[in-house]
C-alpha atoms as a PDB file:
ATOM      1  CA  MET A   1      74.728  60.194 -13.246  1.00  0.00           C
ATOM      2  CA  THR A   2      73.637  58.442 -16.575  1.00  0.00           C
ATOM      3  CA  ASN A   3      71.613  55.263 -16.803  1.00  0.00           C
ATOM      4  CA  GLN A   4      71.834  52.508 -19.461  1.00  0.00           C
ATOM      5  CA  CYS A   5      69.585  54.323 -21.714  1.00  0.00           C
ATOM      6  CA  GLY A   6      71.801  57.337 -21.687  1.00  0.00           C
ATOM      7  CA  SER A   7      69.327  59.538 -19.685  1.00  0.00           C
ATOM      8  CA  THR A   8      70.835  61.782 -16.851  1.00  0.00           C
ATOM      9  CA  PHE A   9      69.188  61.868 -13.422  1.00  0.00           C
ATOM     10  CA  LYS A  10      69.898  63.302 -10.020  1.00  0.00           C
ATOM     11  CA  TYR A  11      71.274  61.290  -7.059  1.00  0.00           C
ATOM     12  CA  PHE A  12      72.740  61.765  -3.724  1.00  0.00           C
ATOM     13  CA  ILE A  13      75.558  60.141  -1.886  1.00  0.00           C
ATOM     14  CA  VAL A  14      75.534  58.865   1.674  1.00  0.00           C
ATOM     15  CA  THR A  15      78.999  58.859   2.918  1.00  0.00           C
ATOM     16  CA  VAL A  16      79.906  56.028   5.467  1.00  0.00           C
ATOM     17  CA  THR A  17      83.232  54.994   6.948  1.00  0.00           C
ATOM     18  CA  GLY A  18      85.045  53.051   4.224  1.00  0.00           C
ATOM     19  CA  GLY A  19      82.696  53.682   1.432  1.00  0.00           C
ATOM     20  CA  TYR A  20      79.441  55.374   0.324  1.00  0.00           C
ATOM     21  CA  LEU A  21      75.885  54.654  -0.870  1.00  0.00           C
ATOM     22  CA  ILE A  22      74.515  56.127  -4.010  1.00  0.00           C
ATOM     23  CA  VAL A  23      70.719  56.722  -3.961  1.00  0.00           C
ATOM     24  CA  TYR A  24      68.919  57.469  -7.126  1.00  0.00           C
ATOM     25  CA  PRO A  25      66.921  58.933  -8.831  1.00  0.00           C
ATOM     26  CA  ASN A  26      65.823  61.813  -6.790  1.00  0.00           C
ATOM     27  CA  PRO A  27      63.161  62.854  -7.416  1.00  0.00           C
ATOM     28  CA  VAL A  28      61.886  59.233  -7.899  1.00  0.00           C
ATOM     29  CA  ASN A  29      58.884  58.080  -9.657  1.00  0.00           C
ATOM     30  CA  ASN A  30      58.416  54.251  -8.878  1.00  0.00           C
ATOM     31  CA  GLU A  31      61.750  52.737  -7.923  1.00  0.00           C
ATOM     32  CA  LEU A  32      64.447  54.078  -5.574  1.00  0.00           C
ATOM     33  CA  ASN A  33      67.755  52.485  -6.125  1.00  0.00           C
ATOM     34  CA  ILE A  34      70.635  52.171  -3.573  1.00  0.00           C
ATOM     35  CA  GLU A  35      74.074  50.993  -4.388  1.00  0.00           C
ATOM     36  CA  VAL A  36      76.942  50.230  -2.204  1.00  0.00           C
ATOM     37  CA  LYS A  37      80.466  51.475  -3.284  1.00  0.00           C
ATOM     38  CA  SER A  38      83.879  51.119  -1.476  1.00  0.00           C
ATOM     39  CA  ASP A  39      86.222  54.120  -1.372  1.00  0.00           C
ATOM     40  CA  GLU A  40      89.565  53.688  -3.022  1.00  0.00           C
ATOM     41  CA  PHE A  41      91.416  52.756   0.211  1.00  0.00           C
ATOM     42  CA  SER A  42      89.244  50.066   1.705  1.00  0.00           C
ATOM     43  CA  GLN A  43      86.674  47.369   0.819  1.00  0.00           C
ATOM     44  CA  PHE A  44      83.330  48.510   2.414  1.00  0.00           C
ATOM     45  CA  THR A  45      80.736  45.769   3.318  1.00  0.00           C
ATOM     46  CA  LEU A  46      77.325  46.421   4.849  1.00  0.00           C
ATOM     47  CA  PRO A  47      76.792  45.123   8.345  1.00  0.00           C
ATOM     48  CA  GLU A  48      74.466  42.152   8.737  1.00  0.00           C
ATOM     49  CA  ASN A  49      71.637  44.176  10.195  1.00  0.00           C
ATOM     50  CA  ALA A  50      71.732  46.948   7.545  1.00  0.00           C
ATOM     51  CA  GLU A  51      68.328  48.477   7.048  1.00  0.00           C
ATOM     52  CA  ILE A  52      66.678  51.195   4.899  1.00  0.00           C
ATOM     53  CA  GLN A  53      63.553  52.965   6.178  1.00  0.00           C
ATOM     54  CA  LEU A  54      61.444  55.453   4.452  1.00  0.00           C
ATOM     55  CA  TYR A  55      59.339  57.959   6.493  1.00  0.00           C
ATOM     56  CA  ASP A  56      56.761  60.468   5.359  1.00  0.00           C
ATOM     57  CA  LYS A  57      56.949  64.050   6.570  1.00  0.00           C
ATOM     58  CA  MET A  58      54.972  63.325   9.637  1.00  0.00           C
ATOM     59  CA  MET A  59      57.605  60.656  10.515  1.00  0.00           C
ATOM     60  CA  GLY A  60      55.219  57.838   9.786  1.00  0.00           C
ATOM     61  CA  LEU A  61      57.164  54.623   8.791  1.00  0.00           C
ATOM     62  CA  LYS A  62      56.131  53.808   5.104  1.00  0.00           C
ATOM     63  CA  LYS A  63      58.766  51.291   3.917  1.00  0.00           C
ATOM     64  CA  VAL A  64      61.411  48.953   5.643  1.00  0.00           C
ATOM     65  CA  LYS A  65      64.016  47.035   3.587  1.00  0.00           C
ATOM     66  CA  HIS A  66      66.703  44.730   5.051  1.00  0.00           C
ATOM     67  CA  PHE A  67      69.760  45.233   2.906  1.00  0.00           C
ATOM     68  CA  ASN A  68      72.912  43.086   2.750  1.00  0.00           C
ATOM     69  CA  GLY A  69      74.030  43.122  -0.857  1.00  0.00           C
ATOM     70  CA  THR A  70      75.699  45.591  -3.197  1.00  0.00           C
ATOM     71  CA  SER A  71      72.407  47.070  -4.385  1.00  0.00           C
ATOM     72  CA  THR A  72      68.817  47.175  -3.712  1.00  0.00           C
ATOM     73  CA  THR A  73      65.507  48.764  -5.057  1.00  0.00           C
ATOM     74  CA  ILE A  74      62.621  50.191  -2.990  1.00  0.00           C
ATOM     75  CA  ASN A  75      59.240  50.181  -4.803  1.00  0.00           C
ATOM     76  CA  VAL A  76      57.565  53.579  -3.909  1.00  0.00           C
ATOM     77  CA  SER A  77      54.841  53.419  -6.560  1.00  0.00           C
ATOM     78  CA  ASP A  78      52.204  53.064  -3.851  1.00  0.00           C
ATOM     79  CA  LEU A  79      53.224  56.364  -2.105  1.00  0.00           C
ATOM     80  CA  LYS A  80      51.819  59.621  -2.983  1.00  0.00           C
ATOM     81  CA  SER A  81      53.965  62.592  -4.386  1.00  0.00           C
ATOM     82  CA  ASP A  82      55.562  64.343  -1.564  1.00  0.00           C
ATOM     83  CA  PHE A  83      58.978  64.424   0.143  1.00  0.00           C
ATOM     84  CA  TYR A  84      60.043  61.596   2.518  1.00  0.00           C
ATOM     85  CA  PHE A  85      62.964  60.868   4.802  1.00  0.00           C
ATOM     86  CA  LEU A  86      65.229  58.056   3.842  1.00  0.00           C
ATOM     87  CA  LYS A  87      67.079  56.388   7.005  1.00  0.00           C
ATOM     88  CA  VAL A  88      69.996  54.119   6.380  1.00  0.00           C
ATOM     89  CA  ILE A  89      70.814  52.253   9.473  1.00  0.00           C
ATOM     90  CA  LEU A  90      74.246  50.576   9.404  1.00  0.00           C
ATOM     91  CA  GLY A  91      74.794  48.873  12.668  1.00  0.00           C
ATOM     92  CA  ASP A  92      74.981  51.602  15.390  1.00  0.00           C
ATOM     93  CA  LYS A  93      75.064  54.449  12.764  1.00  0.00           C
ATOM     94  CA  THR A  94      72.151  56.156  11.264  1.00  0.00           C
ATOM     95  CA  TYR A  95      72.229  58.346   8.143  1.00  0.00           C
ATOM     96  CA  GLU A  96      69.214  60.473   6.953  1.00  0.00           C
ATOM     97  CA  GLU A  97      68.473  62.144   3.560  1.00  0.00           C
ATOM     98  CA  LYS A  98      65.422  63.685   1.940  1.00  0.00           C
ATOM     99  CA  VAL A  99      63.795  61.900  -1.027  1.00  0.00           C
ATOM    100  CA  ILE A 100      61.141  63.429  -3.246  1.00  0.00           C
ATOM    101  CA  ILE A 101      58.637  61.223  -4.800  1.00  0.00           C
ATOM    102  CA  SER A 102      57.061  63.029  -7.910  1.00  0.00           C
ATOM    103  CA  ARG A 103      54.816  61.628 -10.573  1.00  0.00           C
ATOM    104  CA  GLU A 104      54.530  64.774 -12.607  1.00  0.00           C
END
């Protein structure tokens, strides 16, 4: 994926029914971005109670963000470099991916 400045970065996709979420960059330095996209056959919208949670490797909850738009950003500048678990909760479904915070 390429940003507005032309830099390339890594991302991952969380596939959900009717669409997907793009999470980038990974590794992340200060801000983790999440964008909602519909697949070509349907118009995906987030449920009202959509939530993003970030846990450390000991499963301690570090960040919670309620999410109801087409994109959001989570500021992780206060977290130390390490790997974390990102949980995306959409109604009764939960999706989990690994995120790396790196300031090197």
